[in-house]
Amino acid sequence: MLADASASPRAQTVDCVSTGPGTAAGRYLRQFWQPIYHSADFSVARPVPLRIMSEDFTLYRGESGEVHLVDALCPHRATQLSSGWVEGDGLRCFYHGWKFDGDGQCVEQPAEDSSYCERIKLRAQPVREYLGLVFAFLGEGAPPEFPLFPEFDAFGGVIEVDSYYRECNYFQNVENALDMSHVAFVHRDNMAAYNGIGRGAQLRSEESDWGVTYTFTRNDGHLRIQQFGMPNIFYMTALPTDPEVGWQESLFWWVPVDDLRHMQFSLHRIPVSGEAAQRVKARHQQRRAKIDLPHQRLCERILRGRMSLRDVDKERVDLVRLQDDIAQVGQGRIADRERERPGRADTGVIAIRRLWNREVAALLAGGSLKHWKRDARIAPRAWGLAGTPPVGSGERPENAQPDMTDIRPLVEIDIQLDALHGAPALSASRPNG
């Protein structure tokens, strides 16, 4: 077993919170591919500014359809490149027309009689589109092998593409992933969230080839197994959201916008097809259309004592996200871990901290880092619910094509795009009260 709560420190020995350029945790995160945007949210005609991990970039799609990620500002007179326009697979600056190709090389300087294009190059980061998301490698040098999830891309059911924005440090959400004991309280209205689901004596955390295998054993011997992938991925059996589905498999990534805000990018694997798939999709789109209250703003009001969760119209908000907002943002924008008193049920949280401490300390010392790798054995499992088969036991036919669908409420899309495009935090944009 990886973690023993009774012998574990309250706080981290290295800084896993600060992720800007040059920070230890930032350098570590940048060694991995990270989701940064939704493919559906930009087109050839519209380059966009992007703020991710406390850095600013320009994201655009060339006329070939290929996606590019380059510096935020033109090196000529430092204006914002996202205000320019796409030509072929290049980007032309709005201010003086300097043009850059998809690799960042300057290829035209219209006002210069003596061109020095060859000496000017933007930083360009590797990008890849996968399952409706844009992934980027933000580190130095050659990127690692791109991680694939055949359970999702070779799948004949429905894949829901999702995300949300939360106004606290990303590591609070990373830790929440392996905190099963919160479910019975924070999400107690869900049909799968019953008393005892996260009792510490029945939780185990073991290091895997990918990260942490986190297991809850029921009194009758049935297991719920979740898989955490280093440094910030979670592959889990998610709480049921539809009467025809029961558990669903979900992939989550928690990616900092800056040290006080983050995005969760999500993929949900729904094992339905044919008429059942159409019914499920219709219900989920109807639910999507009803949500018009931003959970982030309701959380602010609740934490300020201006309203209660009981006052919220649950038909108009994503309740699970609001519940997690209250718990995580309620810790502060950056949690003060020195004030904590971890218990036996925090075995998963302690396991994540230990792995991060070990790997980031090794990075700082110039030592060797573990090569994390997932295979088909590292997958979630859960018992059946209401006659559904256990999650993790279904067939995954090769060469199947998933039915991709976006389930983000429109109000969520607006808020997260504002955040990703560099707008100030919601909490900083309005007066207190």
Protein backbone atom coordinates (compact mmCIF):
# COMPACT_ATOMS: atom_id res chain seq x y z
CA MET A 1 0.00 0.00 0.00
CA LEU A 2 1.20 3.49 -0.83
CA ALA A 3 -0.33 5.68 1.87
CA ASP A 4 -0.66 5.45 5.63
CA ALA A 5 -2.58 8.44 6.98
CA SER A 6 -1.26 8.09 10.50
CA ALA A 7 2.34 8.52 9.30
CA SER A 8 1.74 11.18 6.70
CA PRO A 9 2.59 14.89 6.87
CA ARG A 10 -0.27 17.37 6.76
CA ALA A 11 1.24 19.45 4.01
CA GLN A 12 3.42 18.90 0.96
CA THR A 13 7.15 19.13 1.23
CA VAL A 14 7.42 20.65 -2.25
CA ASP A 15 5.24 23.31 -3.87
CA CYS A 16 2.67 21.52 -6.04
CA VAL A 17 0.42 24.59 -6.21
CA SER A 18 2.43 27.11 -8.23
CA THR A 19 2.52 26.12 -11.91
CA GLY A 20 3.73 29.17 -13.80
CA PRO A 21 6.81 29.06 -16.06
CA GLY A 22 9.92 28.02 -14.14
CA THR A 23 8.13 26.72 -11.05
CA ALA A 24 8.83 23.16 -9.96
CA ALA A 25 5.25 21.91 -10.35
CA GLY A 26 4.89 23.90 -13.57
CA ARG A 27 7.98 22.24 -15.02
CA TYR A 28 6.62 18.83 -14.02
CA LEU A 29 3.15 19.39 -15.52
CA ARG A 30 4.74 20.65 -18.73
CA GLN A 31 6.36 17.25 -19.28
CA PHE A 32 2.93 15.82 -20.14
CA TRP A 33 0.33 16.46 -22.83
CA GLN A 34 -2.49 18.63 -21.41
CA PRO A 35 -5.97 19.43 -22.76
CA ILE A 36 -6.30 23.16 -23.32
CA TYR A 37 -9.46 23.83 -25.38
CA HIS A 38 -12.52 22.35 -27.08
CA SER A 39 -12.31 21.71 -30.82
CA ALA A 40 -15.86 23.01 -31.20
CA ASP A 41 -15.00 26.43 -29.80
CA PHE A 42 -12.93 27.90 -32.62
CA SER A 43 -12.86 27.96 -36.40
CA VAL A 44 -10.48 28.88 -39.23
CA ALA A 45 -11.71 32.45 -39.28
CA ARG A 46 -11.11 33.16 -35.59
CA PRO A 47 -7.74 32.94 -33.83
CA VAL A 48 -8.22 33.12 -30.07
CA PRO A 49 -6.08 34.29 -27.15
CA LEU A 50 -5.44 31.51 -24.66
CA ARG A 51 -4.26 31.65 -21.05
CA ILE A 52 -3.19 28.32 -19.61
CA MET A 53 -0.80 27.51 -16.74
CA SER A 54 -0.13 31.24 -16.25
CA GLU A 55 1.13 31.67 -19.82
CA ASP A 56 -0.46 33.44 -22.78
CA PHE A 57 -0.69 31.98 -26.28
CA THR A 58 -2.50 32.34 -29.59
CA LEU A 59 -4.53 29.32 -30.72
CA TYR A 60 -5.74 29.08 -34.30
CA ARG A 61 -6.88 26.63 -36.93
CA GLY A 62 -5.25 26.87 -40.36
CA GLU A 63 -7.18 26.56 -43.60
CA SER A 64 -5.98 22.94 -43.83
CA GLY A 65 -7.80 22.24 -40.56
CA GLU A 66 -4.57 21.84 -38.63
CA VAL A 67 -4.42 23.48 -35.20
CA HIS A 68 -1.50 25.70 -34.13
CA LEU A 69 -0.42 27.16 -30.79
CA VAL A 70 2.06 30.06 -30.88
CA ASP A 71 3.15 33.06 -28.81
CA ALA A 72 0.51 35.55 -27.70
CA LEU A 73 2.23 38.69 -29.02
CA CYS A 74 3.81 39.72 -32.29
CA PRO A 75 7.58 40.16 -31.83
CA HIS A 76 7.52 43.35 -33.98
CA ARG A 77 5.60 45.76 -31.75
CA ALA A 78 4.05 43.33 -29.23
CA THR A 79 0.41 43.57 -30.26
CA GLN A 80 -1.97 40.66 -29.69
CA LEU A 81 -1.68 38.14 -32.52
CA SER A 82 -5.19 36.76 -31.99
CA SER A 83 -6.55 40.03 -33.47
CA GLY A 84 -4.96 39.08 -36.80
CA TRP A 85 -6.20 36.70 -39.47
CA VAL A 86 -5.44 33.28 -40.88
CA GLU A 87 -3.92 32.89 -44.34
CA GLY A 88 -3.41 29.29 -45.39
CA ASP A 89 -1.85 27.72 -42.33
CA GLY A 90 -0.17 30.99 -41.36
CA LEU A 91 -1.19 33.89 -39.16
CA ARG A 92 -0.88 37.54 -40.18
CA CYS A 93 -0.54 40.27 -37.56
CA PHE A 94 -3.29 42.91 -37.47
CA TYR A 95 -0.89 45.80 -36.74
CA HIS A 96 1.78 45.75 -39.48
CA GLY A 97 1.00 42.56 -41.39
CA TRP A 98 3.93 40.42 -40.35
CA LYS A 99 3.04 36.85 -41.27
CA PHE A 100 4.10 33.66 -39.49
CA ASP A 101 3.76 30.07 -40.65
CA GLY A 102 2.33 27.28 -38.51
CA ASP A 103 5.75 26.56 -37.01
CA GLY A 104 6.09 30.20 -35.92
CA GLN A 105 8.61 31.23 -38.57
CA CYS A 106 8.18 34.76 -39.87
CA VAL A 107 7.70 34.60 -43.65
CA GLU A 108 6.61 38.16 -44.56
CA GLN A 109 7.36 41.71 -43.33
CA PRO A 110 5.48 43.94 -45.81
CA ALA A 111 6.89 47.31 -44.71
CA GLU A 112 10.53 46.21 -44.58
CA ASP A 113 12.65 46.91 -47.67
CA SER A 114 15.36 44.65 -46.34
CA SER A 115 13.62 41.61 -44.98
CA TYR A 116 15.03 39.83 -41.94
CA CYS A 117 12.25 37.22 -41.69
CA GLU A 118 14.64 34.33 -41.21
CA ARG A 119 15.79 35.78 -37.86
CA ILE A 120 12.27 36.06 -36.40
CA LYS A 121 10.41 33.06 -35.05
CA LEU A 122 7.56 32.65 -32.62
CA ARG A 123 7.53 29.89 -30.07
CA ALA A 124 5.22 27.16 -31.37
CA GLN A 125 4.06 24.29 -29.16
CA PRO A 126 3.02 20.80 -30.39
CA VAL A 127 -0.77 20.35 -30.48
CA ARG A 128 -3.10 17.47 -31.26
CA GLU A 129 -6.88 17.10 -31.46
CA TYR A 130 -8.33 14.01 -29.84
CA LEU A 131 -11.90 13.10 -28.88
CA GLY A 132 -13.18 16.65 -29.25
CA LEU A 133 -10.40 18.28 -27.24
CA VAL A 134 -7.23 20.15 -28.21
CA PHE A 135 -4.15 18.88 -26.37
CA ALA A 136 -0.83 20.68 -26.18
CA PHE A 137 2.67 19.90 -25.01
CA LEU A 138 3.86 23.03 -23.21
CA GLY A 139 7.31 21.85 -22.21
CA GLU A 140 10.74 22.10 -23.79
CA GLY A 141 12.15 19.73 -26.39
CA ALA A 142 10.42 16.83 -28.07
CA PRO A 143 7.05 15.83 -26.61
CA PRO A 144 6.46 12.37 -25.14
CA GLU A 145 4.28 9.79 -26.85
CA PHE A 146 0.69 11.00 -27.02
CA PRO A 147 -1.48 9.01 -24.55
CA LEU A 148 -4.43 7.27 -26.19
CA PHE A 149 -7.53 5.85 -24.55
CA PRO A 150 -8.85 3.06 -26.82
CA GLU A 151 -11.75 2.48 -24.41
CA PHE A 152 -13.03 5.85 -25.62
CA ASP A 153 -11.85 6.23 -29.20
CA ALA A 154 -12.64 2.62 -30.26
CA PHE A 155 -16.11 2.51 -28.79
CA GLY A 156 -19.52 2.07 -30.36
CA GLY A 157 -21.46 4.03 -27.74
CA VAL A 158 -21.79 7.72 -26.86
CA ILE A 159 -18.87 9.92 -25.79
CA GLU A 160 -19.93 13.13 -24.05
CA VAL A 161 -17.39 15.97 -24.20
CA ASP A 162 -17.56 18.27 -21.22
CA SER A 163 -15.65 20.78 -19.10
CA TYR A 164 -16.08 23.39 -16.39
CA TYR A 165 -14.19 26.28 -14.83
CA ARG A 166 -13.54 26.52 -11.07
CA GLU A 167 -12.08 29.42 -9.12
CA CYS A 168 -9.55 27.69 -6.93
CA ASN A 169 -6.16 26.07 -7.37
CA TYR A 170 -6.17 22.98 -9.57
CA PHE A 171 -4.52 20.79 -6.91
CA GLN A 172 -7.61 21.00 -4.68
CA ASN A 173 -9.56 19.25 -7.42
CA VAL A 174 -6.74 16.75 -8.00
CA GLU A 175 -6.91 15.81 -4.32
CA ASN A 176 -10.70 15.65 -4.38
CA ALA A 177 -10.48 12.90 -7.01
CA LEU A 178 -9.25 10.36 -4.46
CA ASP A 179 -11.50 11.52 -1.63
CA MET A 180 -14.41 9.08 -1.78
CA SER A 181 -15.64 9.87 1.72
CA HIS A 182 -16.93 13.28 0.60
CA VAL A 183 -19.50 11.68 -1.74
CA ALA A 184 -21.97 10.66 0.97
CA PHE A 185 -22.11 14.26 2.23
CA VAL A 186 -21.40 16.66 -0.63
CA HIS A 187 -23.41 14.60 -3.17
CA ARG A 188 -25.83 12.92 -0.78
CA ASP A 189 -28.83 13.43 -3.08
CA ASN A 190 -27.37 11.12 -5.76
CA MET A 191 -28.77 7.59 -5.88
CA ALA A 192 -25.29 6.05 -5.64
CA ALA A 193 -24.10 8.23 -2.75
CA TYR A 194 -25.06 6.34 0.37
CA ASN A 195 -23.71 6.32 3.90
CA GLY A 196 -20.51 4.35 4.33
CA ILE A 197 -19.24 4.61 0.75
CA GLY A 198 -15.99 6.19 1.87
CA ARG A 199 -15.21 4.66 5.27
CA GLY A 200 -11.46 4.86 5.80
CA ALA A 201 -11.07 1.25 6.93
CA GLN A 202 -12.43 0.07 3.58
CA LEU A 203 -10.27 2.30 1.35
CA ARG A 204 -6.93 1.32 -0.18
CA SER A 205 -4.42 3.32 -2.24
CA GLU A 206 -1.65 1.53 -4.11
CA GLU A 207 0.91 2.88 -6.55
CA SER A 208 0.39 1.62 -10.09
CA ASP A 209 2.37 1.91 -13.31
CA TRP A 210 0.18 4.94 -14.09
CA GLY A 211 -0.33 6.57 -10.70
CA VAL A 212 -2.64 5.38 -7.93
CA THR A 213 -5.19 2.56 -7.86
CA TYR A 214 -7.86 3.58 -5.34
CA THR A 215 -10.22 0.86 -4.07
CA PHE A 216 -13.31 0.89 -1.89
CA THR A 217 -14.52 -2.50 -0.65
CA ARG A 218 -18.16 -2.81 0.40
CA ASN A 219 -19.19 -4.96 3.35
CA ASP A 220 -20.42 -7.59 0.88
CA GLY A 221 -17.04 -7.68 -0.88
CA HIS A 222 -18.01 -5.70 -3.99
CA LEU A 223 -15.39 -3.23 -5.21
CA ARG A 224 -15.34 0.24 -6.66
CA ILE A 225 -11.93 0.87 -8.24
CA GLN A 226 -10.76 4.27 -9.46
CA GLN A 227 -7.54 5.01 -11.35
CA PHE A 228 -5.50 8.18 -10.94
CA GLY A 229 -2.93 8.88 -13.65
CA MET A 230 0.05 11.09 -12.93
CA PRO A 231 0.19 13.98 -12.85
CA ASN A 232 -3.45 15.18 -13.14
CA ILE A 233 -5.71 12.59 -14.81
CA PHE A 234 -8.53 10.57 -13.27
CA TYR A 235 -10.25 7.57 -14.86
CA MET A 236 -13.25 6.74 -12.76
CA THR A 237 -16.68 5.24 -12.42
CA ALA A 238 -18.76 8.40 -12.24
CA LEU A 239 -21.98 8.81 -10.30
CA PRO A 240 -25.08 7.91 -12.35
CA THR A 241 -26.80 10.76 -14.16
CA ASP A 242 -29.36 8.85 -16.24
CA PRO A 243 -31.90 6.12 -15.35
CA GLU A 244 -30.87 3.97 -18.33
CA VAL A 245 -27.14 4.14 -17.75
CA GLY A 246 -26.15 3.58 -14.12
CA TRP A 247 -22.43 4.12 -13.62
CA GLN A 248 -20.50 5.65 -16.49
CA GLU A 249 -16.77 5.75 -17.15
CA SER A 250 -15.25 9.22 -17.13
CA LEU A 251 -11.85 10.76 -17.82
CA PHE A 252 -10.95 14.01 -16.09
CA TRP A 253 -7.99 16.36 -16.47
CA TRP A 254 -7.42 19.32 -14.11
CA VAL A 255 -5.43 22.04 -15.85
CA PRO A 256 -4.46 25.38 -14.27
CA VAL A 257 -5.51 28.62 -15.94
CA ASP A 258 -3.32 30.27 -13.34
CA ASP A 259 -2.62 29.49 -9.70
CA LEU A 260 -6.07 30.65 -8.53
CA ARG A 261 -8.24 29.12 -11.27
CA HIS A 262 -8.44 25.94 -13.27
CA MET A 263 -10.37 23.98 -15.88
CA GLN A 264 -11.63 20.44 -15.66
CA PHE A 265 -11.79 18.83 -19.09
CA SER A 266 -13.94 15.69 -19.18
CA LEU A 267 -14.92 12.77 -21.38
CA HIS A 268 -17.80 10.48 -20.42
CA ARG A 269 -18.15 7.01 -21.93
CA ILE A 270 -21.84 6.07 -22.10
CA PRO A 271 -22.40 2.38 -23.01
CA VAL A 272 -25.60 2.79 -25.03
CA SER A 273 -26.39 2.53 -28.73
CA GLY A 274 -29.35 2.58 -31.12
CA GLU A 275 -32.66 3.84 -29.73
CA ALA A 276 -31.35 3.86 -26.17
CA ALA A 277 -28.53 6.18 -27.22
CA GLN A 278 -30.98 8.56 -28.86
CA ARG A 279 -33.12 8.65 -25.71
CA VAL A 280 -30.13 9.27 -23.46
CA LYS A 281 -28.75 11.99 -25.73
CA ALA A 282 -32.14 13.71 -25.95
CA ARG A 283 -32.53 13.73 -22.17
CA HIS A 284 -29.03 15.07 -21.65
CA GLN A 285 -29.51 17.83 -24.22
CA GLN A 286 -32.82 18.77 -22.59
CA ARG A 287 -31.03 18.93 -19.25
CA ARG A 288 -28.26 21.01 -20.82
CA ALA A 289 -30.80 23.52 -22.14
CA LYS A 290 -32.40 24.01 -18.70
CA ILE A 291 -29.16 25.04 -16.98
CA ASP A 292 -28.91 28.81 -17.03
CA LEU A 293 -27.48 29.60 -13.58
CA PRO A 294 -23.67 29.59 -13.35
CA HIS A 295 -22.65 27.30 -10.50
CA GLN A 296 -19.59 29.51 -9.91
CA ARG A 297 -21.68 32.58 -9.06
CA LEU A 298 -24.11 30.62 -6.88
CA CYS A 299 -21.12 29.22 -5.00
CA GLU A 300 -19.87 32.76 -4.33
CA ARG A 301 -23.21 33.80 -2.87
CA ILE A 302 -23.46 30.67 -0.72
CA LEU A 303 -19.94 31.05 0.67
CA ARG A 304 -20.64 34.73 1.42
CA GLY A 305 -23.73 33.73 3.40
CA ARG A 306 -26.10 35.45 0.98
CA MET A 307 -28.03 32.28 0.16
CA SER A 308 -28.18 28.58 1.00
CA LEU A 309 -27.91 25.51 -1.19
CA ARG A 310 -31.53 24.87 -0.21
CA ASP A 311 -32.50 28.10 -1.99
CA VAL A 312 -31.10 26.95 -5.35
CA ASP A 313 -33.40 25.89 -8.16
CA LYS A 314 -31.79 22.54 -8.90
CA GLU A 315 -33.37 22.39 -12.36
CA ARG A 316 -31.40 25.46 -13.43
CA VAL A 317 -27.90 24.57 -12.21
CA ASP A 318 -25.41 21.74 -12.49
CA LEU A 319 -25.86 20.58 -8.92
CA VAL A 320 -22.85 18.26 -8.67
CA ARG A 321 -20.52 21.03 -9.81
CA LEU A 322 -22.08 23.51 -7.42
CA GLN A 323 -21.68 21.06 -4.55
CA ASP A 324 -18.01 20.52 -5.38
CA ASP A 325 -17.53 24.29 -5.83
CA ILE A 326 -18.78 24.88 -2.30
CA ALA A 327 -16.45 22.26 -0.84
CA GLN A 328 -13.31 23.15 -2.82
CA VAL A 329 -13.61 26.93 -3.16
CA GLY A 330 -14.64 26.86 0.50
CA GLN A 331 -11.08 25.74 1.27
CA GLY A 332 -9.86 29.09 -0.10
CA ARG A 333 -8.53 29.91 -3.55
CA ILE A 334 -5.38 28.10 -2.42
CA ALA A 335 -5.96 25.69 0.46
CA ASP A 336 -3.90 26.13 3.62
CA ARG A 337 -2.80 22.53 4.13
CA GLU A 338 -0.92 23.38 7.33
CA ARG A 339 -4.30 23.70 9.04
CA GLU A 340 -5.47 20.21 8.04
CA ARG A 341 -5.90 17.15 10.26
CA PRO A 342 -5.91 14.21 7.82
CA GLY A 343 -7.59 10.96 8.85
CA ARG A 344 -7.69 7.38 7.71
CA ALA A 345 -10.23 8.17 4.97
CA ASP A 346 -7.69 10.55 3.38
CA THR A 347 -5.52 7.69 2.16
CA GLY A 348 -6.05 8.70 -1.49
CA VAL A 349 -5.21 12.34 -0.90
CA ILE A 350 -2.05 11.34 0.94
CA ALA A 351 -1.09 8.95 -1.86
CA ILE A 352 -1.29 11.71 -4.49
CA ARG A 353 0.75 14.10 -2.34
CA ARG A 354 3.44 11.50 -1.79
CA LEU A 355 3.82 10.75 -5.50
CA TRP A 356 3.93 14.45 -6.37
CA ASN A 357 6.42 15.13 -3.57
CA ARG A 358 8.65 12.31 -4.76
CA GLU A 359 8.57 13.18 -8.46
CA VAL A 360 8.90 16.96 -8.14
CA ALA A 361 11.70 16.59 -5.58
CA ALA A 362 13.49 14.27 -8.02
CA LEU A 363 13.01 16.83 -10.80
CA LEU A 364 14.52 19.59 -8.66
CA ALA A 365 17.44 17.36 -7.70
CA GLY A 366 18.13 16.34 -11.29
CA GLY A 367 17.24 12.72 -10.51
CA SER A 368 15.34 10.19 -12.58
CA LEU A 369 11.56 10.42 -12.86
CA LYS A 370 9.17 7.51 -13.16
CA HIS A 371 7.84 6.84 -16.64
CA TRP A 372 4.09 6.58 -16.10
CA LYS A 373 2.25 4.27 -18.49
CA ARG A 374 -1.30 2.94 -18.55
CA ASP A 375 -2.41 -0.34 -20.10
CA ALA A 376 -5.79 -2.10 -20.33
CA ARG A 377 -5.39 -3.57 -16.84
CA ILE A 378 -5.49 -0.11 -15.29
CA ALA A 379 -9.18 0.67 -15.60
CA PRO A 380 -12.03 1.52 -13.23
CA ARG A 381 -14.62 -0.94 -11.99
CA ALA A 382 -17.86 -0.75 -10.03
CA TRP A 383 -20.69 -3.01 -9.00
CA GLY A 384 -23.92 -3.11 -10.99
CA LEU A 385 -26.76 -0.72 -10.21
CA ALA A 386 -30.46 -1.41 -10.83
CA GLY A 387 -29.75 -4.36 -13.10
CA THR A 388 -26.96 -2.77 -15.13
CA PRO A 389 -23.76 -4.78 -15.64
CA PRO A 390 -20.72 -3.79 -13.61
CA VAL A 391 -18.77 -0.92 -15.13
CA GLY A 392 -15.50 -2.05 -16.64
CA SER A 393 -16.82 -5.40 -17.82
CA GLY A 394 -18.27 -4.39 -21.18
CA GLU A 395 -16.81 -5.25 -24.57
CA ARG A 396 -14.81 -2.65 -26.45
CA PRO A 397 -14.97 -3.57 -30.12
CA GLU A 398 -12.04 -2.47 -32.26
CA ASN A 399 -12.59 0.02 -35.09
CA ALA A 400 -15.87 1.22 -33.58
CA GLN A 401 -16.62 4.93 -33.91
CA PRO A 402 -18.03 6.77 -30.90
CA ASP A 403 -21.02 9.07 -31.20
CA MET A 404 -19.51 12.37 -29.99
CA THR A 405 -21.74 14.96 -28.32
CA ASP A 406 -21.07 18.22 -26.46
CA ILE A 407 -23.04 18.47 -23.21
CA ARG A 408 -21.69 21.73 -21.77
CA PRO A 409 -24.43 24.18 -20.80
CA LEU A 410 -24.17 27.39 -22.81
CA VAL A 411 -23.75 29.45 -19.66
CA GLU A 412 -20.74 27.29 -18.76
CA ILE A 413 -19.19 27.72 -22.19
CA ASP A 414 -19.40 31.52 -21.92
CA ILE A 415 -17.75 31.57 -18.50
CA GLN A 416 -14.95 29.17 -19.34
CA LEU A 417 -14.13 30.91 -22.62
CA ASP A 418 -13.86 34.21 -20.79
CA ALA A 419 -11.43 32.58 -18.36
CA LEU A 420 -9.37 30.82 -21.04
CA HIS A 421 -9.21 34.00 -23.10
CA GLY A 422 -7.65 35.92 -20.24
CA ALA A 423 -10.58 37.61 -18.49
CA PRO A 424 -10.16 38.26 -14.74
CA ALA A 425 -11.65 35.86 -12.22
CA LEU A 426 -15.39 36.11 -11.61
CA SER A 427 -14.73 36.81 -7.94
CA ALA A 428 -12.49 39.74 -8.87
CA SER A 429 -14.86 41.24 -11.40
CA ARG A 430 -17.69 42.10 -9.02
CA PRO A 431 -17.82 43.91 -5.67
CA ASN A 432 -18.24 41.97 -2.46
CA GLY A 433 -21.63 41.46 -0.95
